[in-house]
């Protein structure tokens, strides 16, 4: 199995199906709107990634700040 087959295996789509989907999107939105849609989709994905990264950082910071007093307490007891 090649790398290309692995990418499509998740959705079980072949090349023919992908071409058909692309043609339907092209007919629905037109050639002039496709770059706009792609830009909007890219911006949305980037904003989502940034939000996830920010949330992860906040969670890790909260975890570290919650663990810090416990470590001090353990050091004082020893």
PDB file of N, CA and C in Angstrom:
ATOM      1  N   UNK A   1       0.851  -1.172   0.000  1.00  0.00           N
ATOM      2  CA  UNK A   1       0.000   0.000   0.000  1.00  0.00           C
ATOM      3  C   UNK A   1       0.900   1.240   0.000  1.00  0.00           C
ATOM      4  N   UNK A   2       0.621   2.183  -0.849  1.00  0.00           N
ATOM      5  CA  UNK A   2       1.433   3.393  -0.924  1.00  0.00           C
ATOM      6  C   UNK A   2       0.921   4.437   0.046  1.00  0.00           C
ATOM      7  N   UNK A   3       1.666   5.504   0.189  1.00  0.00           N
ATOM      8  CA  UNK A   3       1.290   6.592   1.090  1.00  0.00           C
ATOM      9  C   UNK A   3      -0.039   7.212   0.682  1.00  0.00           C
ATOM     10  N   UNK A   4      -0.282   7.321  -0.624  1.00  0.00           N
ATOM     11  CA  UNK A   4      -1.530   7.904  -1.117  1.00  0.00           C
ATOM     12  C   UNK A   4      -2.708   7.039  -0.707  1.00  0.00           C
ATOM     13  N   UNK A   5      -2.553   5.725  -0.777  1.00  0.00           N
ATOM     14  CA  UNK A   5      -3.627   4.821  -0.382  1.00  0.00           C
ATOM     15  C   UNK A   5      -3.945   4.964   1.099  1.00  0.00           C
ATOM     16  N   UNK A   6      -2.940   5.184   1.909  1.00  0.00           N
ATOM     17  CA  UNK A   6      -3.152   5.327   3.349  1.00  0.00           C
ATOM     18  C   UNK A   6      -3.964   6.578   3.646  1.00  0.00           C
ATOM     19  N   UNK A   7      -3.689   7.666   2.954  1.00  0.00           N
ATOM     20  CA  UNK A   7      -4.416   8.905   3.191  1.00  0.00           C
ATOM     21  C   UNK A   7      -5.899   8.760   2.872  1.00  0.00           C
ATOM     22  N   UNK A   8      -6.231   8.031   1.833  1.00  0.00           N
ATOM     23  CA  UNK A   8      -7.625   7.900   1.426  1.00  0.00           C
ATOM     24  C   UNK A   8      -8.336   6.756   2.135  1.00  0.00           C
ATOM     25  N   UNK A   9      -7.586   5.882   2.771  1.00  0.00           N
ATOM     26  CA  UNK A   9      -8.189   4.704   3.384  1.00  0.00           C
ATOM     27  C   UNK A   9      -9.136   5.073   4.516  1.00  0.00           C
ATOM     28  N   UNK A  10      -8.885   6.179   5.188  1.00  0.00           N
ATOM     29  CA  UNK A  10      -9.736   6.554   6.306  1.00  0.00           C
ATOM     30  C   UNK A  10     -11.157   6.830   5.837  1.00  0.00           C
ATOM     31  N   UNK A  11     -11.304   7.479   4.718  1.00  0.00           N
ATOM     32  CA  UNK A  11     -12.631   7.798   4.216  1.00  0.00           C
ATOM     33  C   UNK A  11     -13.083   6.810   3.155  1.00  0.00           C
ATOM     34  N   UNK A  12     -12.220   5.851   2.811  1.00  0.00           N
ATOM     35  CA  UNK A  12     -12.518   4.844   1.816  1.00  0.00           C
ATOM     36  C   UNK A  12     -12.898   5.484   0.480  1.00  0.00           C
ATOM     37  N   UNK A  13     -12.163   6.516   0.082  1.00  0.00           N
ATOM     38  CA  UNK A  13     -12.420   7.220  -1.164  1.00  0.00           C
ATOM     39  C   UNK A  13     -11.306   6.930  -2.158  1.00  0.00           C
ATOM     40  N   UNK A  14     -11.694   6.687  -3.386  1.00  0.00           N
ATOM     41  CA  UNK A  14     -10.726   6.511  -4.446  1.00  0.00           C
ATOM     42  C   UNK A  14     -10.546   7.810  -5.197  1.00  0.00           C
ATOM     43  N   UNK A  15      -9.689   7.767  -6.198  1.00  0.00           N
ATOM     44  CA  UNK A  15      -9.415   8.964  -6.988  1.00  0.00           C
ATOM     45  C   UNK A  15     -10.661   9.431  -7.731  1.00  0.00           C
ATOM     46  N   UNK A  16     -11.422   8.494  -8.267  1.00  0.00           N
ATOM     47  CA  UNK A  16     -12.644   8.848  -8.995  1.00  0.00           C
ATOM     48  C   UNK A  16     -13.645   9.584  -8.129  1.00  0.00           C
ATOM     49  N   UNK A  17     -13.819   9.108  -6.902  1.00  0.00           N
ATOM     50  CA  UNK A  17     -14.762   9.768  -5.992  1.00  0.00           C
ATOM     51  C   UNK A  17     -14.292  11.159  -5.619  1.00  0.00           C
ATOM     52  N   UNK A  18     -12.984  11.310  -5.405  1.00  0.00           N
ATOM     53  CA  UNK A  18     -12.451  12.626  -5.057  1.00  0.00           C
ATOM     54  C   UNK A  18     -12.627  13.618  -6.203  1.00  0.00           C
ATOM     55  N   UNK A  19     -12.404  13.166  -7.430  1.00  0.00           N
ATOM     56  CA  UNK A  19     -12.594  14.031  -8.594  1.00  0.00           C
ATOM     57  C   UNK A  19     -14.057  14.427  -8.707  1.00  0.00           C
ATOM     58  N   UNK A  20     -14.955  13.489  -8.498  1.00  0.00           N
ATOM     59  CA  UNK A  20     -16.388  13.781  -8.561  1.00  0.00           C
ATOM     60  C   UNK A  20     -16.791  14.794  -7.492  1.00  0.00           C
ATOM     61  N   UNK A  21     -16.295  14.618  -6.289  1.00  0.00           N
ATOM     62  CA  UNK A  21     -16.608  15.564  -5.214  1.00  0.00           C
ATOM     63  C   UNK A  21     -16.092  16.953  -5.567  1.00  0.00           C
ATOM     64  N   UNK A  22     -14.867  17.025  -6.082  1.00  0.00           N
ATOM     65  CA  UNK A  22     -14.298  18.315  -6.469  1.00  0.00           C
ATOM     66  C   UNK A  22     -15.132  18.973  -7.559  1.00  0.00           C
ATOM     67  N   UNK A  23     -15.585  18.204  -8.546  1.00  0.00           N
ATOM     68  CA  UNK A  23     -16.403  18.769  -9.621  1.00  0.00           C
ATOM     69  C   UNK A  23     -17.745  19.288  -9.100  1.00  0.00           C
ATOM     70  N   UNK A  24     -18.348  18.581  -8.173  1.00  0.00           N
ATOM     71  CA  UNK A  24     -19.616  19.036  -7.599  1.00  0.00           C
ATOM     72  C   UNK A  24     -19.405  20.345  -6.835  1.00  0.00           C
ATOM     73  N   UNK A  25     -18.326  20.422  -6.069  1.00  0.00           N
ATOM     74  CA  UNK A  25     -18.030  21.662  -5.344  1.00  0.00           C
ATOM     75  C   UNK A  25     -17.779  22.799  -6.322  1.00  0.00           C
ATOM     76  N   UNK A  26     -17.064  22.504  -7.400  1.00  0.00           N
ATOM     77  CA  UNK A  26     -16.784  23.511  -8.423  1.00  0.00           C
ATOM     78  C   UNK A  26     -18.076  24.007  -9.061  1.00  0.00           C
ATOM     79  N   UNK A  27     -19.003  23.102  -9.344  1.00  0.00           N
ATOM     80  CA  UNK A  27     -20.280  23.505  -9.933  1.00  0.00           C
ATOM     81  C   UNK A  27     -21.128  24.312  -8.959  1.00  0.00           C
ATOM     82  N   UNK A  28     -21.116  23.926  -7.688  1.00  0.00           N
ATOM     83  CA  UNK A  28     -21.944  24.618  -6.702  1.00  0.00           C
ATOM     84  C   UNK A  28     -21.447  26.035  -6.418  1.00  0.00           C
ATOM     85  N   UNK A  29     -20.131  26.197  -6.269  1.00  0.00           N
ATOM     86  CA  UNK A  29     -19.599  27.477  -5.829  1.00  0.00           C
ATOM     87  C   UNK A  29     -18.959  28.291  -6.939  1.00  0.00           C
ATOM     88  N   UNK A  30     -18.556  27.676  -8.015  1.00  0.00           N
ATOM     89  CA  UNK A  30     -17.914  28.398  -9.103  1.00  0.00           C
ATOM     90  C   UNK A  30     -16.431  28.566  -8.868  1.00  0.00           C
ATOM     91  N   UNK A  31     -15.713  28.786  -9.955  1.00  0.00           N
ATOM     92  CA  UNK A  31     -14.253  28.870  -9.885  1.00  0.00           C
ATOM     93  C   UNK A  31     -13.787  30.120  -9.143  1.00  0.00           C
ATOM     94  N   UNK A  32     -14.551  31.191  -9.190  1.00  0.00           N
ATOM     95  CA  UNK A  32     -14.133  32.440  -8.538  1.00  0.00           C
ATOM     96  C   UNK A  32     -14.238  32.352  -7.022  1.00  0.00           C
ATOM     97  N   UNK A  33     -15.188  31.584  -6.514  1.00  0.00           N
ATOM     98  CA  UNK A  33     -15.397  31.510  -5.063  1.00  0.00           C
ATOM     99  C   UNK A  33     -14.515  30.475  -4.375  1.00  0.00           C
ATOM    100  N   UNK A  34     -13.960  29.513  -5.127  1.00  0.00           N
ATOM    101  CA  UNK A  34     -13.169  28.461  -4.495  1.00  0.00           C
ATOM    102  C   UNK A  34     -11.961  28.992  -3.719  1.00  0.00           C
ATOM    103  N   UNK A  35     -11.186  29.942  -4.257  1.00  0.00           N
ATOM    104  CA  UNK A  35     -10.074  30.460  -3.449  1.00  0.00           C
ATOM    105  C   UNK A  35     -10.541  31.132  -2.154  1.00  0.00           C
ATOM    106  N   UNK A  36     -11.669  31.836  -2.221  1.00  0.00           N
ATOM    107  CA  UNK A  36     -12.223  32.459  -1.015  1.00  0.00           C
ATOM    108  C   UNK A  36     -12.601  31.404   0.016  1.00  0.00           C
ATOM    109  N   UNK A  37     -13.245  30.339  -0.450  1.00  0.00           N
ATOM    110  CA  UNK A  37     -13.645  29.270   0.459  1.00  0.00           C
ATOM    111  C   UNK A  37     -12.432  28.591   1.075  1.00  0.00           C
ATOM    112  N   UNK A  38     -11.407  28.367   0.271  1.00  0.00           N
ATOM    113  CA  UNK A  38     -10.196  27.725   0.779  1.00  0.00           C
ATOM    114  C   UNK A  38      -9.506  28.612   1.816  1.00  0.00           C
ATOM    115  N   UNK A  39      -9.435  29.914   1.544  1.00  0.00           N
ATOM    116  CA  UNK A  39      -8.834  30.840   2.507  1.00  0.00           C
ATOM    117  C   UNK A  39      -9.616  30.843   3.813  1.00  0.00           C
ATOM    118  N   UNK A  40     -10.924  30.902   3.705  1.00  0.00           N
ATOM    119  CA  UNK A  40     -11.767  30.898   4.899  1.00  0.00           C
ATOM    120  C   UNK A  40     -11.615  29.616   5.690  1.00  0.00           C
ATOM    121  N   UNK A  41     -11.543  28.504   4.986  1.00  0.00           N
ATOM    122  CA  UNK A  41     -11.361  27.220   5.651  1.00  0.00           C
ATOM    123  C   UNK A  41     -10.007  27.169   6.348  1.00  0.00           C
ATOM    124  N   UNK A  42      -8.978  27.660   5.687  1.00  0.00           N
ATOM    125  CA  UNK A  42      -7.640  27.692   6.284  1.00  0.00           C
ATOM    126  C   UNK A  42      -7.593  28.561   7.524  1.00  0.00           C
ATOM    127  N   UNK A  43      -8.220  29.732   7.460  1.00  0.00           N
ATOM    128  CA  UNK A  43      -8.248  30.616   8.631  1.00  0.00           C
ATOM    129  C   UNK A  43      -9.001  29.965   9.784  1.00  0.00           C
ATOM    130  N   UNK A  44     -10.101  29.313   9.470  1.00  0.00           N
ATOM    131  CA  UNK A  44     -10.875  28.636  10.506  1.00  0.00           C
ATOM    132  C   UNK A  44     -10.094  27.525  11.171  1.00  0.00           C
ATOM    133  N   UNK A  45      -9.361  26.750  10.379  1.00  0.00           N
ATOM    134  CA  UNK A  45      -8.553  25.671  10.937  1.00  0.00           C
ATOM    135  C   UNK A  45      -7.448  26.239  11.815  1.00  0.00           C
ATOM    136  N   UNK A  46      -6.804  27.314  11.354  1.00  0.00           N
ATOM    137  CA  UNK A  46      -5.742  27.936  12.155  1.00  0.00           C
ATOM    138  C   UNK A  46      -6.279  28.489  13.469  1.00  0.00           C
ATOM    139  N   UNK A  47      -7.436  29.127  13.441  1.00  0.00           N
ATOM    140  CA  UNK A  47      -8.036  29.647  14.671  1.00  0.00           C
ATOM    141  C   UNK A  47      -8.376  28.516  15.632  1.00  0.00           C
ATOM    142  N   UNK A  48      -8.873  27.415  15.090  1.00  0.00           N
ATOM    143  CA  UNK A  48      -9.202  26.258  15.924  1.00  0.00           C
ATOM    144  C   UNK A  48      -7.944  25.697  16.572  1.00  0.00           C
ATOM    145  N   UNK A  49      -6.866  25.555  15.788  1.00  0.00           N
ATOM    146  CA  UNK A  49      -5.605  25.055  16.341  1.00  0.00           C
ATOM    147  C   UNK A  49      -5.089  25.982  17.431  1.00  0.00           C
ATOM    148  N   UNK A  50      -5.153  27.291  17.205  1.00  0.00           N
ATOM    149  CA  UNK A  50      -4.696  28.249  18.210  1.00  0.00           C
ATOM    150  C   UNK A  50      -5.513  28.126  19.493  1.00  0.00           C
ATOM    151  N   UNK A  51      -6.826  27.964  19.348  1.00  0.00           N
ATOM    152  CA  UNK A  51      -7.692  27.828  20.522  1.00  0.00           C
ATOM    153  C   UNK A  51      -7.357  26.551  21.290  1.00  0.00           C
ATOM    154  N   UNK A  52      -7.111  25.467  20.576  1.00  0.00           N
ATOM    155  CA  UNK A  52      -6.753  24.206  21.235  1.00  0.00           C
ATOM    156  C   UNK A  52      -5.418  24.348  21.951  1.00  0.00           C
ATOM    157  N   UNK A  53      -4.428  24.959  21.290  1.00  0.00           N
ATOM    158  CA  UNK A  53      -3.120  25.151  21.924  1.00  0.00           C
ATOM    159  C   UNK A  53      -3.227  26.025  23.168  1.00  0.00           C
ATOM    160  N   UNK A  54      -4.017  27.090  23.088  1.00  0.00           N
ATOM    161  CA  UNK A  54      -4.207  27.973  24.230  1.00  0.00           C
ATOM    162  C   UNK A  54      -4.870  27.226  25.384  1.00  0.00           C
ATOM    163  N   UNK A  55      -5.872  26.421  25.066  1.00  0.00           N
ATOM    164  CA  UNK A  55      -6.559  25.646  26.105  1.00  0.00           C
ATOM    165  C   UNK A  55      -5.610  24.651  26.748  1.00  0.00           C
ATOM    166  N   UNK A  56      -4.804  23.974  25.928  1.00  0.00           N
ATOM    167  CA  UNK A  56      -3.835  23.017  26.479  1.00  0.00           C
ATOM    168  C   UNK A  56      -2.866  23.725  27.422  1.00  0.00           C
ATOM    169  N   UNK A  57      -2.384  24.887  27.002  1.00  0.00           N
ATOM    170  CA  UNK A  57      -1.425  25.636  27.825  1.00  0.00           C
ATOM    171  C   UNK A  57      -2.067  26.045  29.149  1.00  0.00           C
ATOM    172  N   UNK A  58      -3.309  26.511  29.104  1.00  0.00           N
ATOM    173  CA  UNK A  58      -3.996  26.915  30.333  1.00  0.00           C
ATOM    174  C   UNK A  58      -4.188  25.725  31.264  1.00  0.00           C
ATOM    175  N   UNK A  59      -4.535  24.579  30.700  1.00  0.00           N
ATOM    176  CA  UNK A  59      -4.735  23.383  31.524  1.00  0.00           C
ATOM    177  C   UNK A  59      -3.428  22.950  32.162  1.00  0.00           C
ATOM    178  N   UNK A  60      -2.346  22.951  31.382  1.00  0.00           N
ATOM    179  CA  UNK A  60      -1.048  22.562  31.931  1.00  0.00           C
ATOM    180  C   UNK A  60      -0.575  23.547  32.994  1.00  0.00           C
ATOM    181  N   UNK A  61      -0.805  24.839  32.766  1.00  0.00           N
ATOM    182  CA  UNK A  61      -0.427  25.843  33.765  1.00  0.00           C
ATOM    183  C   UNK A  61      -1.207  25.652  35.063  1.00  0.00           C
ATOM    184  N   UNK A  62      -2.500  25.361  34.939  1.00  0.00           N
ATOM    185  CA  UNK A  62      -3.325  25.144  36.126  1.00  0.00           C
ATOM    186  C   UNK A  62      -2.875  23.884  36.862  1.00  0.00           C
ATOM    187  N   UNK A  63      -2.509  22.868  36.105  1.00  0.00           N
ATOM    188  CA  UNK A  63      -2.034  21.627  36.722  1.00  0.00           C
ATOM    189  C   UNK A  63      -0.728  21.870  37.474  1.00  0.00           C
ATOM    190  N   UNK A  64       0.187  22.609  36.835  1.00  0.00           N
ATOM    191  CA  UNK A  64       1.468  22.895  37.486  1.00  0.00           C
ATOM    192  C   UNK A  64       1.285  23.750  38.728  1.00  0.00           C
ATOM    193  N   UNK A  65       0.397  24.731  38.669  1.00  0.00           N
ATOM    194  CA  UNK A  65       0.187  25.586  39.840  1.00  0.00           C
ATOM    195  C   UNK A  65      -0.513  24.823  40.965  1.00  0.00           C
ATOM    196  N   UNK A  66      -1.314  23.825  40.613  1.00  0.00           N
ATOM    197  CA  UNK A  66      -1.968  23.019  41.641  1.00  0.00           C
ATOM    198  C   UNK A  66      -0.988  22.035  42.269  1.00  0.00           C
ATOM    199  N   UNK A  67       0.001  21.571  41.497  1.00  0.00           N
ATOM    200  CA  UNK A  67       0.973  20.611  42.013  1.00  0.00           C
ATOM    201  C   UNK A  67       2.074  21.289  42.830  1.00  0.00           C
ATOM    202  N   UNK A  68       2.344  22.553  42.573  1.00  0.00           N
ATOM    203  CA  UNK A  68       3.431  23.260  43.255  1.00  0.00           C
ATOM    204  C   UNK A  68       3.257  23.269  44.783  1.00  0.00           C
ATOM    205  N   UNK A  69       2.093  23.599  45.338  1.00  0.00           N
ATOM    206  CA  UNK A  69       1.950  23.572  46.804  1.00  0.00           C
ATOM    207  C   UNK A  69       2.120  22.167  47.378  1.00  0.00           C
ATOM    208  N   UNK A  70       1.706  21.156  46.640  1.00  0.00           N
ATOM    209  CA  UNK A  70       1.865  19.788  47.130  1.00  0.00           C
ATOM    210  C   UNK A  70       3.334  19.407  47.218  1.00  0.00           C
ATOM    211  N   UNK A  71       4.129  19.825  46.233  1.00  0.00           N
ATOM    212  CA  UNK A  71       5.561  19.523  46.257  1.00  0.00           C
ATOM    213  C   UNK A  71       6.244  20.239  47.415  1.00  0.00           C
ATOM    214  N   UNK A  72       5.866  21.504  47.681  1.00  0.00           N
ATOM    215  CA  UNK A  72       6.439  22.239  48.809  1.00  0.00           C
ATOM    216  C   UNK A  72       6.100  21.549  50.126  1.00  0.00           C
ATOM    217  N   UNK A  73       4.872  21.087  50.239  1.00  0.00           N
ATOM    218  CA  UNK A  73       4.431  20.428  51.469  1.00  0.00           C
ATOM    219  C   UNK A  73       5.212  19.141  51.682  1.00  0.00           C
ATOM    220  N   UNK A  74       5.441  18.383  50.636  1.00  0.00           N
ATOM    221  CA  UNK A  74       6.197  17.136  50.742  1.00  0.00           C
ATOM    222  C   UNK A  74       7.651  17.417  51.139  1.00  0.00           C
ATOM    223  N   UNK A  75       8.223  18.491  50.603  1.00  0.00           N
ATOM    224  CA  UNK A  75       9.610  18.848  50.932  1.00  0.00           C
ATOM    225  C   UNK A  75       9.718  19.260  52.407  1.00  0.00           C
ATOM    226  N   UNK A  76       8.719  19.977  52.911  1.00  0.00           N
ATOM    227  CA  UNK A  76       8.741  20.424  54.297  1.00  0.00           C
ATOM    228  C   UNK A  76       8.601  19.258  55.257  1.00  0.00           C
ATOM    229  N   UNK A  77       7.851  18.234  54.861  1.00  0.00           N
ATOM    230  CA  UNK A  77       7.626  17.086  55.722  1.00  0.00           C
ATOM    231  C   UNK A  77       8.861  16.182  55.796  1.00  0.00           C
ATOM    232  N   UNK A  78       9.727  16.223  54.775  1.00  0.00           N
ATOM    233  CA  UNK A  78      10.880  15.328  54.778  1.00  0.00           C
ATOM    234  C   UNK A  78      12.030  15.853  55.568  1.00  0.00           C
TER     235      UNK A  78
END
